[in-house]
Each structure stands twice: as C-alpha cells, then as structure tokens.
Amino acid sequence: MRDLLLGREPADYDVATSATPRQVMSVFAETYAVGAQFGVVLVPLKVLGQPQAEGHIEVATFRSDGAYADGRHPDSVTYSTSAQHDVERRDFTINGMLLDPLSANPNTPHGELFDYVGGVADLHRGLVRTIGRPERRFTEDKLRMMRAVRFAARFHYAIDPATMTAIRGLAAQIDRVSAERQRDELCKMLLEGSARRAFTLLSTSGLLRQVLPEMDAMRGVEQPPQFHPEGDVFAHTLLLLDKLPSRPSLTLAWGALLHDVGKPATFRRAPDRIRFDGHVEIGVRVAEEVLTRLRFSSRQREQIVSLVANHMRFADVRHMKDSTFKRFIRLDNFEEHLELHRLDCLASHGKLDLYDYTRDRMSAVPEEEVHPEPLLNGRELIAAGFRPGPQFAEILTAVEDAQLDGEIGTRPEALAFAKRIFPR
C-alpha cells in the first residue's frame, strides 16, 4: 500500500485476512504453513494463475500479539476478525495501511484504503513513526530500530522525535538481535541507494556504535588535508558511500564501507603530515573480524577483504613491473577494485589520473599475456633433475614472472631460466 501511494511499483504483495490459517490452506491446492503458529501461510504464485511465476504471496490472519519474551516473536497470538487490531501490532504507520482490492472502481482504482494509524498523513509529512508507543514496538522486536533508520534513509524521510528518542534510549539492546538479521539490514541500507543518509542516521541514533563500532571509531579521526580536503575518516567514508552506483554489488558496497577501517588504530601525527602507517594491514584484520561476526559467506568475505587489502596499491601502479601489474589486474573481480579506487579518489582529492592510467595500461595488454599458458610444470622440473619440495612453488612463480615480463617465451627458455636462477 505504501509503495502504491508513493507511485512506486511494489516489490511484492502481502495479504491480511480474517480467515484462519486452516481456512486459507483449505482454499488453495498448495500452501506452506511457514508461520502458522503466528497466522502466516505462503501461497505459491503458480497456484494463483501464474504457472511460470516464481515466489509466493504471504497470507497473514488478523491477530493480536501477546508479550515478546525473546525480543522477536510473540509468546502467543490471538486471531481476530478486526483489521484495526491487526494493524495496531505492526511497526510503523507508513507500513500499517491496508487496501481492499475487491472494492476497486474507477474512482478508487486500487480499492478502498483503510488507515487506522495516520499512515497517509505521515507519508505526506515524510515521517517514520511507530504505531503506538515506540518503546513497546522496539521492545517487541529490537530490529525495528534499524528498520526505522533504513526506511527514513530510503524514502528521505525524517524520524519522528519520540521514535528517535526511543531508539537512542534502547540502542544498546540491539545486540539482542542476531548477527544475521543485523547484517541483512545493513546490506539493505548499503544497496537501496541512500547509504550515506542511512549511516548518518545510524550514527546520530546511537546504533552505529553498537552494530559497527569499527566504523563509529572513524568519527573525528583527522586526515591530511592535502589528500583529504573532505574531512575526517568518517566524513570521507560517508562521501564515498554517497558516490556508490545506484545498484552496487554487495561486495563493492562493503569494500567501500570498510576500506579505511584500519585508520583509527594507526593515526599518527608525524612532523610532515598526518600518517596512517600500516592501516591496510590493520584494516584487513579488522574487516575480517567484522565480516566473520556478521556471518558473511566465505566467498563474500574473501572479496571484501581483498578490496580492503589492495585499495592502496593503485598508488604504485605507474612503477609496477609488467609481471606485477599483470598479477594485480588478475585479482578476482578486478573491476570492483578499480571501481573502489575511482570512488575513493572522487571522495577525496578528486584526481583520476591513476585510474585512467590503469585503464589504459590494461587495454594495451592482450588477454593471453595476462593469463598465459604456463611454460613449465612440476613434472618437467622433476624430469630436469629438480628435487620435489616446497621450492617448486617459488621456481614456478619466478618462471611465470619472467614470462609475464617478456623475458622468456618458450619451454626451453623457461627451463634454462629455472636452472640458472635455482641451481640443482
């Protein structure tokens, strides 16, 4: 309902009804009672006249909730025939409006609107406000505090003062929300197009120091103005988030968020300027800790950590040997590394000379020179009299470097090179 009133195409539709789960399940040929104890049944789209469609419609029975001992699920539910009772247990007014599609007519093409909580007025005012007392709504599910921030950022709304006061008072309790649920909200904030505003609100609400203390530590950490006229590390990171493309990949977004996470621990005011010696190495360790805590997959974690680990290497790109440069651009998903460097520059000094140089140099190197066929393998080294052992990896790496640098190009040249550099 909210998206329709905002002139947006809804991503999905949920149904609320006075019918009990048993009654809902008796109507359709196929259903899934994923939350029947809470009155929730899933109906696949394929049984609703869309045989090729994926997904489902969530059908929830009108209900009132009991206490929330676990801070997420009600201890008990009471089914109701009252739509108003059902709405009054929901989170925010802008999410509490109902629509009766069966009453659609030329005057109300979407159907009759039922608004018991002032959601329409809050949409017009641009306000995120809880239904009822905010303390109660947040005590029922602490994640709603992060959702308030996300909705405010996504729609460019303000958070109702009483709602914000409650968030600040309860922010420390967000740790009762599972790491996975926190992660999913943070991911949505990064990917929905208003990441800078979302993380600004997380900071002002007190939630950031709870869910991402490593980022909160960036606030007030000065940077050398000749390279970072935009301000401290936190300001730089927010500005970089603001420059993310409209639909960034998850790994690029998190790489942008964490690329300078090692700076607070390495801040040093040297005689010549502010320095952050070793911030990349520290940043890799901290990023690994954050991503592990938030239960990211190993593949996602590897790519994000790689973005943090390599984001400063562009400073040396003009002086890289061919072999070093080719190995650099062979990093998995190198386009993300390049894009993070571009965003990093735009969020600081604004110079893109190294970005342009890297692009030009990449275009001048044929793919077969970036990933050439190996000239030697372990069996050939053994046949040449080398004793198998850990040194094999060193030999083969040195041979490949010489190949990438154009020093050798044939198997005999590679074997002669190995014998010369690594006497048997």
Protein backbone atom coordinates (compact mmCIF):
# COMPACT_ATOMS: atom_id res chain seq x y z
CA MET A 1 0.00 0.00 0.00
CA ARG A 2 2.79 2.39 0.92
CA ASP A 3 4.54 2.00 -2.44
CA LEU A 4 1.31 2.44 -4.40
CA LEU A 5 0.62 5.73 -2.62
CA LEU A 6 4.18 6.81 -3.39
CA GLY A 7 3.69 5.99 -7.07
CA ARG A 8 6.11 3.04 -6.95
CA GLU A 9 5.65 -0.48 -8.22
CA PRO A 10 5.52 -2.73 -5.13
CA ALA A 11 8.22 -5.38 -4.97
CA ASP A 12 5.66 -7.83 -3.58
CA TYR A 13 2.19 -8.03 -2.10
CA ASP A 14 1.15 -9.37 1.30
CA VAL A 15 -2.41 -10.30 2.21
CA ALA A 16 -4.10 -9.88 5.59
CA THR A 17 -7.37 -11.65 6.21
CA SER A 18 -9.85 -12.69 8.88
CA ALA A 19 -9.56 -16.28 7.61
CA THR A 20 -7.61 -18.63 9.89
CA PRO A 21 -4.52 -20.44 8.58
CA ARG A 22 -6.55 -23.66 8.32
CA GLN A 23 -9.17 -21.88 6.22
CA VAL A 24 -6.53 -20.32 3.98
CA MET A 25 -4.88 -23.69 3.43
CA SER A 26 -8.20 -25.26 2.52
CA VAL A 27 -8.77 -22.75 -0.29
CA PHE A 28 -5.58 -23.38 -2.32
CA ALA A 29 -4.17 -26.56 -3.82
CA GLU A 30 -0.68 -25.85 -2.48
CA THR A 31 0.38 -23.83 0.56
CA TYR A 32 3.24 -23.68 3.04
CA ALA A 33 2.50 -23.08 6.70
CA VAL A 34 5.84 -21.46 7.44
CA GLY A 35 4.48 -19.43 10.34
CA ALA A 36 1.12 -20.98 11.04
CA GLN A 37 1.64 -20.53 14.79
CA PHE A 38 1.70 -16.78 14.06
CA GLY A 39 -1.05 -16.97 11.47
CA VAL A 40 1.19 -16.86 8.37
CA VAL A 41 0.77 -19.07 5.31
CA LEU A 42 2.62 -18.85 1.99
CA VAL A 43 0.68 -19.38 -1.24
CA PRO A 44 2.85 -20.02 -4.36
CA LEU A 45 2.18 -17.70 -7.28
CA LYS A 46 1.91 -20.72 -9.58
CA VAL A 47 -1.40 -21.70 -7.94
CA LEU A 48 -2.73 -18.16 -8.36
CA GLY A 49 -2.99 -18.28 -12.14
CA GLN A 50 0.72 -17.58 -12.80
CA PRO A 51 2.11 -21.07 -13.61
CA GLN A 52 5.54 -19.81 -14.71
CA ALA A 53 5.99 -17.36 -11.85
CA GLU A 54 8.45 -17.88 -9.02
CA GLY A 55 7.78 -16.74 -5.48
CA HIS A 56 4.76 -16.63 -3.25
CA ILE A 57 2.18 -14.43 -1.56
CA GLU A 58 2.28 -14.20 2.24
CA VAL A 59 -1.19 -14.52 3.75
CA ALA A 60 -1.48 -13.48 7.41
CA THR A 61 -4.50 -13.86 9.65
CA PHE A 62 -5.64 -10.76 11.55
CA ARG A 63 -4.26 -11.12 15.06
CA SER A 64 -3.27 -9.51 18.34
CA ASP A 65 0.07 -10.40 19.92
CA GLY A 66 1.00 -11.30 23.47
CA ALA A 67 4.33 -10.46 25.12
CA TYR A 68 7.63 -10.80 23.23
CA ALA A 69 9.91 -12.62 25.66
CA ASP A 70 12.57 -13.34 23.02
CA GLY A 71 12.50 -9.81 21.57
CA ARG A 72 11.35 -11.03 18.18
CA HIS A 73 8.39 -13.42 18.28
CA PRO A 74 5.20 -13.10 20.32
CA ASP A 75 4.78 -15.68 23.07
CA SER A 76 1.16 -16.06 21.97
CA VAL A 77 -1.19 -14.77 19.31
CA THR A 78 -4.94 -14.32 19.31
CA TYR A 79 -6.67 -14.48 15.96
CA SER A 80 -9.04 -11.63 15.28
CA THR A 81 -11.67 -10.58 12.79
CA SER A 82 -10.66 -6.93 13.21
CA ALA A 83 -8.32 -5.36 10.67
CA GLN A 84 -7.68 -2.48 13.08
CA HIS A 85 -6.49 -4.82 15.83
CA ASP A 86 -4.09 -6.40 13.35
CA VAL A 87 -2.70 -3.05 12.22
CA GLU A 88 -2.15 -1.84 15.77
CA ARG A 89 0.51 -4.51 16.39
CA ARG A 90 2.59 -3.53 13.34
CA ASP A 91 5.77 -1.46 13.29
CA PHE A 92 5.39 1.92 11.53
CA THR A 93 2.41 3.96 10.41
CA ILE A 94 3.60 4.07 6.80
CA ASN A 95 3.57 0.25 6.83
CA GLY A 96 0.18 -0.01 8.55
CA MET A 97 -2.24 0.85 5.75
CA LEU A 98 -4.50 -1.74 4.16
CA LEU A 99 -6.15 -1.91 0.77
CA ASP A 100 -9.22 -3.88 -0.31
CA PRO A 101 -8.57 -4.70 -3.99
CA LEU A 102 -12.03 -6.26 -4.40
CA SER A 103 -13.59 -2.83 -3.93
CA ALA A 104 -11.68 -1.28 -6.83
CA ASN A 105 -13.69 1.03 -9.10
CA PRO A 106 -12.98 3.94 -11.47
CA ASN A 107 -12.82 6.38 -8.55
CA THR A 108 -10.54 4.17 -6.44
CA PRO A 109 -8.65 2.04 -8.98
CA HIS A 110 -6.61 0.24 -6.32
CA GLY A 111 -9.52 -0.32 -3.96
CA GLU A 112 -10.69 1.15 -0.67
CA LEU A 113 -7.95 2.32 1.68
CA PHE A 114 -8.08 1.57 5.41
CA ASP A 115 -5.80 3.77 7.51
CA TYR A 116 -6.32 3.42 11.25
CA VAL A 117 -2.95 4.85 12.35
CA GLY A 118 -2.34 8.03 10.33
CA GLY A 119 -0.07 6.43 7.75
CA VAL A 120 -1.28 8.58 4.87
CA ALA A 121 -0.62 11.77 6.84
CA ASP A 122 2.88 10.55 7.72
CA LEU A 123 3.58 9.73 4.08
CA HIS A 124 2.64 13.30 3.16
CA ARG A 125 4.74 14.70 6.01
CA GLY A 126 7.68 12.45 5.18
CA LEU A 127 7.80 10.90 8.64
CA VAL A 128 8.75 7.50 10.03
CA ARG A 129 6.73 6.99 13.21
CA THR A 130 5.90 3.89 15.20
CA ILE A 131 2.36 2.68 15.67
CA GLY A 132 1.60 3.30 19.32
CA ARG A 133 4.34 3.75 21.93
CA PRO A 134 7.76 3.42 20.29
CA GLU A 135 9.30 1.78 23.38
CA ARG A 136 6.75 -1.03 23.12
CA ARG A 137 7.23 -1.52 19.39
CA PHE A 138 11.02 -1.67 19.77
CA THR A 139 10.87 -3.92 22.81
CA GLU A 140 8.81 -6.37 20.75
CA ASP A 141 11.50 -6.53 18.08
CA LYS A 142 14.75 -4.60 18.52
CA LEU A 143 15.50 -4.83 14.81
CA ARG A 144 12.72 -2.30 14.23
CA MET A 145 15.16 0.39 15.38
CA MET A 146 17.40 -0.36 12.40
CA ARG A 147 14.37 -0.63 10.12
CA ALA A 148 13.29 2.87 11.18
CA VAL A 149 16.67 4.17 10.06
CA ARG A 150 16.52 2.25 6.79
CA PHE A 151 13.04 3.49 5.88
CA ALA A 152 13.95 7.07 6.75
CA ALA A 153 17.03 6.86 4.55
CA ARG A 154 15.33 5.03 1.70
CA PHE A 155 12.45 7.49 1.40
CA HIS A 156 14.41 10.57 2.55
CA TYR A 157 12.05 10.96 5.50
CA ALA A 158 12.62 12.27 8.99
CA ILE A 159 12.27 10.05 12.05
CA ASP A 160 9.54 11.18 14.44
CA PRO A 161 11.18 12.81 17.53
CA ALA A 162 9.55 10.41 20.01
CA THR A 163 10.58 7.47 17.85
CA MET A 164 14.16 8.73 17.65
CA THR A 165 14.28 9.34 21.41
CA ALA A 166 13.20 5.74 21.99
CA ILE A 167 15.87 4.45 19.58
CA ARG A 168 18.59 6.37 21.40
CA GLY A 169 17.38 5.03 24.73
CA LEU A 170 17.22 1.41 23.56
CA ALA A 171 20.13 1.36 21.08
CA ALA A 172 22.37 -0.69 23.37
CA GLN A 173 19.81 -3.51 23.25
CA ILE A 174 20.30 -4.06 19.52
CA ASP A 175 22.88 -6.69 20.49
CA ARG A 176 19.93 -8.97 21.29
CA VAL A 177 19.23 -9.16 17.57
CA SER A 178 21.07 -11.95 15.76
CA ALA A 179 24.15 -11.04 13.74
CA GLU A 180 22.47 -12.34 10.59
CA ARG A 181 19.46 -10.01 10.96
CA GLN A 182 21.73 -7.03 11.69
CA ARG A 183 23.81 -7.91 8.63
CA ASP A 184 20.76 -8.12 6.38
CA GLU A 185 19.52 -4.67 7.46
CA LEU A 186 22.98 -3.15 6.95
CA CYS A 187 23.14 -4.72 3.48
CA LYS A 188 19.79 -3.22 2.55
CA MET A 189 20.95 0.19 3.76
CA LEU A 190 24.02 -0.08 1.54
CA LEU A 191 22.15 -1.28 -1.52
CA GLU A 192 18.93 0.76 -1.55
CA GLY A 193 20.51 3.95 -2.86
CA SER A 194 20.70 6.09 0.30
CA ALA A 195 23.69 4.59 2.09
CA ARG A 196 25.17 7.92 3.18
CA ARG A 197 21.96 9.03 4.87
CA ALA A 198 21.42 5.60 6.41
CA PHE A 199 24.82 5.53 8.08
CA THR A 200 24.50 9.15 9.16
CA LEU A 201 21.23 8.25 10.90
CA LEU A 202 22.79 5.14 12.41
CA SER A 203 25.43 7.41 13.89
CA THR A 204 23.11 10.09 15.25
CA SER A 205 20.74 7.47 16.69
CA GLY A 206 23.49 5.73 18.64
CA LEU A 207 23.02 2.46 16.75
CA LEU A 208 26.27 2.64 14.81
CA ARG A 209 28.49 2.28 17.87
CA GLN A 210 26.51 -0.85 18.72
CA VAL A 211 26.32 -2.64 15.36
CA LEU A 212 29.54 -1.35 13.76
CA PRO A 213 31.79 0.14 16.44
CA GLU A 214 34.69 -0.16 14.00
CA MET A 215 33.04 2.43 11.74
CA ASP A 216 31.90 4.59 14.63
CA ALA A 217 35.60 4.83 15.61
CA MET A 218 36.26 6.71 12.34
CA ARG A 219 34.47 9.81 13.63
CA GLY A 220 36.84 12.63 14.48
CA VAL A 221 39.92 10.86 13.06
CA GLU A 222 41.68 13.64 11.15
CA GLN A 223 43.25 13.15 7.73
CA PRO A 224 45.95 15.10 5.87
CA PRO A 225 44.03 17.96 4.20
CA GLN A 226 46.25 17.95 1.10
CA PHE A 227 44.92 14.48 0.27
CA HIS A 228 41.58 14.55 2.07
CA PRO A 229 40.06 18.04 1.99
CA GLU A 230 36.65 16.45 2.68
CA GLY A 231 37.40 15.96 6.37
CA ASP A 232 37.86 13.10 8.80
CA VAL A 233 37.78 9.38 8.02
CA PHE A 234 34.07 9.13 8.81
CA ALA A 235 33.21 12.05 6.50
CA HIS A 236 35.33 10.50 3.75
CA THR A 237 33.62 7.13 4.10
CA LEU A 238 30.15 8.70 4.03
CA LEU A 239 31.05 10.69 0.93
CA LEU A 240 32.34 7.54 -0.75
CA LEU A 241 29.09 5.73 0.09
CA ASP A 242 27.20 8.62 -1.48
CA LYS A 243 29.07 8.01 -4.74
CA LEU A 244 28.25 4.30 -4.98
CA PRO A 245 26.46 3.38 -8.22
CA SER A 246 22.69 3.00 -7.99
CA ARG A 247 22.87 -0.77 -7.82
CA PRO A 248 26.27 -1.69 -6.43
CA SER A 249 27.32 -5.24 -5.78
CA LEU A 250 27.21 -6.32 -2.14
CA THR A 251 30.98 -6.80 -2.03
CA LEU A 252 31.77 -3.40 -3.56
CA ALA A 253 29.43 -1.68 -1.10
CA TRP A 254 31.03 -3.37 1.90
CA GLY A 255 34.51 -2.76 0.48
CA ALA A 256 33.64 0.94 0.30
CA LEU A 257 32.34 0.89 3.87
CA LEU A 258 35.39 -0.86 5.33
CA HIS A 259 38.27 0.22 3.09
CA ASP A 260 39.69 2.64 5.69
CA VAL A 261 38.61 0.72 8.79
CA GLY A 262 42.28 0.39 9.83
CA LYS A 263 42.89 4.14 10.03
CA PRO A 264 41.62 4.89 13.57
CA ALA A 265 44.11 2.43 15.10
CA THR A 266 47.06 3.74 13.04
CA PHE A 267 46.56 7.52 13.26
CA ARG A 268 49.89 9.31 13.80
CA ARG A 269 50.73 13.00 13.62
CA ALA A 270 54.21 12.94 12.02
CA PRO A 271 56.43 16.04 11.57
CA ASP A 272 55.48 16.37 7.91
CA ARG A 273 51.80 15.34 7.99
CA ILE A 274 49.21 13.00 9.44
CA ARG A 275 50.05 9.41 8.66
CA PHE A 276 48.33 6.02 8.86
CA ASP A 277 51.27 3.64 8.57
CA GLY A 278 50.10 0.04 8.26
CA HIS A 279 46.43 0.94 8.06
CA VAL A 280 45.86 -1.55 5.25
CA GLU A 281 47.23 -4.48 7.22
CA ILE A 282 45.25 -3.49 10.31
CA GLY A 283 42.21 -2.85 8.13
CA VAL A 284 42.38 -6.37 6.69
CA ARG A 285 42.36 -7.86 10.20
CA VAL A 286 39.51 -5.63 11.40
CA ALA A 287 37.44 -6.23 8.25
CA GLU A 288 37.88 -9.97 8.68
CA GLU A 289 36.63 -9.68 12.27
CA VAL A 290 33.60 -7.59 11.25
CA LEU A 291 32.60 -9.87 8.39
CA THR A 292 33.05 -13.00 10.49
CA ARG A 293 30.97 -11.52 13.31
CA LEU A 294 28.19 -10.66 10.85
CA ARG A 295 28.22 -14.17 9.37
CA PHE A 296 29.14 -13.33 5.79
CA SER A 297 29.83 -16.26 3.48
CA SER A 298 33.47 -17.18 2.93
CA ARG A 299 33.30 -16.09 -0.71
CA GLN A 300 31.86 -12.67 0.16
CA ARG A 301 34.36 -12.26 2.97
CA GLU A 302 37.31 -13.07 0.70
CA GLN A 303 36.33 -10.49 -1.91
CA ILE A 304 35.58 -7.72 0.57
CA VAL A 305 38.83 -8.31 2.45
CA SER A 306 40.68 -8.34 -0.88
CA LEU A 307 39.21 -4.92 -1.70
CA VAL A 308 40.46 -3.59 1.65
CA ALA A 309 43.86 -5.24 1.22
CA ASN A 310 44.53 -3.89 -2.27
CA HIS A 311 42.91 -0.45 -2.34
CA MET A 312 46.21 1.41 -1.78
CA ARG A 313 48.16 -0.48 -4.45
CA PHE A 314 46.99 1.89 -7.17
CA ALA A 315 49.46 4.45 -5.78
CA ASP A 316 52.28 2.28 -7.20
CA VAL A 317 50.67 1.31 -10.47
CA ARG A 318 52.88 3.54 -12.66
CA HIS A 319 56.02 1.85 -11.28
CA MET A 320 54.87 -1.77 -11.39
CA LYS A 321 56.84 -4.21 -13.50
CA ASP A 322 54.79 -5.93 -16.18
CA SER A 323 54.62 -9.11 -14.09
CA THR A 324 53.44 -7.22 -11.00
CA PHE A 325 50.86 -5.27 -12.98
CA LYS A 326 49.51 -8.36 -14.71
CA ARG A 327 49.20 -10.21 -11.41
CA PHE A 328 47.46 -7.16 -9.95
CA ILE A 329 44.80 -6.99 -12.65
CA ARG A 330 44.35 -10.76 -12.34
CA LEU A 331 42.78 -10.28 -8.92
CA ASP A 332 39.32 -11.81 -8.76
CA ASN A 333 36.71 -9.33 -9.97
CA PHE A 334 39.32 -6.65 -10.62
CA GLU A 335 36.64 -4.28 -11.93
CA GLU A 336 35.46 -3.89 -8.34
CA HIS A 337 38.97 -2.96 -7.22
CA LEU A 338 39.17 -0.40 -10.00
CA GLU A 339 35.74 1.00 -9.15
CA LEU A 340 36.58 1.29 -5.45
CA HIS A 341 39.74 3.21 -6.37
CA ARG A 342 37.70 5.57 -8.56
CA LEU A 343 35.18 6.20 -5.79
CA ASP A 344 37.97 6.64 -3.23
CA CYS A 345 39.55 9.34 -5.39
CA LEU A 346 36.25 11.12 -6.05
CA ALA A 347 35.55 11.16 -2.31
CA SER A 348 38.91 12.78 -1.52
CA HIS A 349 41.24 14.73 -3.83
CA GLY A 350 39.17 14.09 -6.97
CA LYS A 351 42.12 13.13 -9.20
CA LEU A 352 41.59 10.15 -11.51
CA ASP A 353 45.00 10.04 -13.21
CA LEU A 354 45.95 6.64 -11.73
CA TYR A 355 42.52 5.25 -12.56
CA ASP A 356 42.85 6.39 -16.18
CA TYR A 357 46.44 5.10 -16.35
CA THR A 358 45.35 1.67 -15.09
CA ARG A 359 42.52 1.50 -17.62
CA ASP A 360 44.81 2.50 -20.48
CA ARG A 361 47.55 0.06 -19.47
CA MET A 362 45.01 -2.76 -19.11
CA SER A 363 43.61 -2.12 -22.59
CA ALA A 364 47.12 -2.32 -24.06
CA VAL A 365 47.75 -5.82 -22.68
CA PRO A 366 46.20 -8.73 -24.61
CA GLU A 367 44.30 -11.24 -22.50
CA GLU A 368 46.67 -14.05 -23.49
CA GLU A 369 49.53 -12.06 -21.94
CA VAL A 370 47.63 -11.56 -18.69
CA HIS A 371 46.75 -15.25 -18.38
CA PRO A 372 49.41 -17.02 -20.50
CA GLU A 373 49.72 -20.79 -20.71
CA PRO A 374 52.33 -21.98 -18.18
CA LEU A 375 55.70 -22.76 -19.72
CA LEU A 376 56.70 -25.30 -17.06
CA ASN A 377 55.06 -27.66 -14.59
CA GLY A 378 56.26 -29.77 -11.70
CA ARG A 379 56.71 -32.94 -13.75
CA GLU A 380 59.02 -31.14 -16.16
CA LEU A 381 61.09 -29.81 -13.26
CA ILE A 382 61.47 -33.34 -11.89
CA ALA A 383 62.46 -34.62 -15.33
CA ALA A 384 65.10 -31.86 -15.43
CA GLY A 385 66.61 -33.08 -12.17
CA PHE A 386 64.98 -30.83 -9.61
CA ARG A 387 64.09 -32.48 -6.32
CA PRO A 388 60.39 -32.15 -5.43
CA GLY A 389 59.70 -29.89 -2.47
CA PRO A 390 58.40 -26.53 -1.29
CA GLN A 391 60.86 -24.74 -3.59
CA PHE A 392 58.82 -25.83 -6.61
CA ALA A 393 56.24 -23.11 -5.96
CA GLU A 394 58.99 -20.49 -5.79
CA ILE A 395 60.54 -21.75 -9.02
CA LEU A 396 57.28 -21.80 -10.94
CA THR A 397 56.36 -18.32 -9.67
CA ALA A 398 59.73 -16.93 -10.75
CA VAL A 399 59.34 -18.56 -14.17
CA GLU A 400 55.87 -17.09 -14.58
CA ASP A 401 57.11 -13.63 -13.54
CA ALA A 402 59.83 -13.82 -16.20
CA GLN A 403 57.19 -14.91 -18.72
CA LEU A 404 54.87 -12.03 -17.74
CA ASP A 405 57.79 -9.59 -18.01
CA GLY A 406 58.52 -10.85 -21.54
CA GLU A 407 61.98 -12.21 -20.62
CA ILE A 408 61.17 -15.75 -21.73
CA GLY A 409 58.57 -17.16 -24.11
CA THR A 410 59.31 -20.82 -24.74
CA ARG A 411 59.60 -24.01 -22.67
CA PRO A 412 63.38 -24.38 -23.33
CA GLU A 413 63.91 -20.74 -22.28
CA ALA A 414 61.87 -21.36 -19.14
CA LEU A 415 63.86 -24.45 -18.24
CA ALA A 416 67.16 -22.67 -18.83
CA PHE A 417 65.93 -19.76 -16.68
CA ALA A 418 64.97 -22.13 -13.83
CA LYS A 419 68.35 -23.88 -13.93
CA ARG A 420 70.19 -20.57 -13.90
CA ILE A 421 68.22 -18.98 -11.04
CA PHE A 422 67.77 -22.14 -8.95
CA PRO A 423 70.85 -24.36 -9.30
CA ARG A 424 70.11 -28.01 -8.57
